[in-house]
Every structure is written in structure tokens, then in C-alpha cells.
Amino acid sequence: MSHTILGKLALQHRSDKGVWSFALDGDRPGLVHGYTKFYDAIFSSRRTEPLNVLDIGSDDGATFMWNDYWVNSQLYVVHHPRRNFDPRQEKRITSISLDVEDENALSDYLEGCGVKFDIVIYDTYHSPIREIRTLMKVLPFVKVGFQYIIEKVETAGNCEIAEFFK
């Protein structure tokens, strides 16, 4: 079986986005979602472009996977405050810990970045209404033709969505 560059980077950085399982605590396999095969199909043609990429809610493994994948891009990462994240500074990574549900925190952060985003990857609260709220906050900060990816779309909140659009 052939594995993508992104899949290999996911394994290297222990990201759950990959297709390979990795051992945690010595013998317990890690959870994997297999997104890298889809991401590689979507993003491979843009891999060397100078992009502004916003990653909302990913863990350290995904952050460093993306950093190694998009070799000429600036990566902006929003970590959830309950998650620990590696504070090491990478030249092309700007990261902050905040709750995207906070009324103004995400918008204030994005405004402070001073850029428009080409790609946004959302991987935090997996509730349709929260996904829509975050999208609405992000829209003023994206370029025309941007790509917006939501991981793990849940359908349990369909009633919330109907209520949101009333």
C-alpha cells in the first residue's frame, strides 16, 4: 500500500489525522481518522504555495505535520484551552490557546493576525451549531476562493441548526 507524504508526516508527528496507528504508552494503539489521504488529494497541488493556513482545534501532532507539509506557508493555530500544546516556537507557526466559543476571542485573534486565510481547518467542537458560529466568525478573514474543512461533522445537532436559521 502506498502512503502519502502527509500520511507519513502524520505518523512522524503522532497525529490522529493519519491512516497508520501509532503506539501510545508503549503498547496501546492510537486513534486514527484517515483524513490525510483526503487532505493530500485536496491540498497536494498547493503544497509549495505561500499560503495562510488557519488550523482551529488540532493537537500538536497535526500542527507540526502541517508545518512540515506546507513548506512555504504561514500556519496560524488556535488550540483549545483544555489541551496542552507544545509552546516551542517555529518560524512559520503562530499559535494561541483560546476557546472559539468565547464571544470575541477568536475574532480579536484573527484581526490581530492581519492576514486573510487561504485554508481553514476546523477540528474542535463537533457540534453543527458551533461549527456554523465559528464559520461566521472566520468569514471576514478569508480570501476569495478559500477552502474551509470541518472535521468530524456530527448530525446530532440538526435541531440546533434549524433553530439557528429561524
Foldseek 3Di string as FASTA:
>chain_A
DDDDLLQVLLQVLVFQAHDDWDDDPPHHTDHHDHNSVVCCVVCVVPQAPAFEEEEEAGAQSVVVSSCVRNVRYAYEYEHEQVDDHDPDDDPRYHYDYDDLPPPCPVLVVLVVVVAAGQEYEHDRDQAVVSVVVSCVSNVVRHDPNHYYHYPPHDDPRVVVVVVVVD
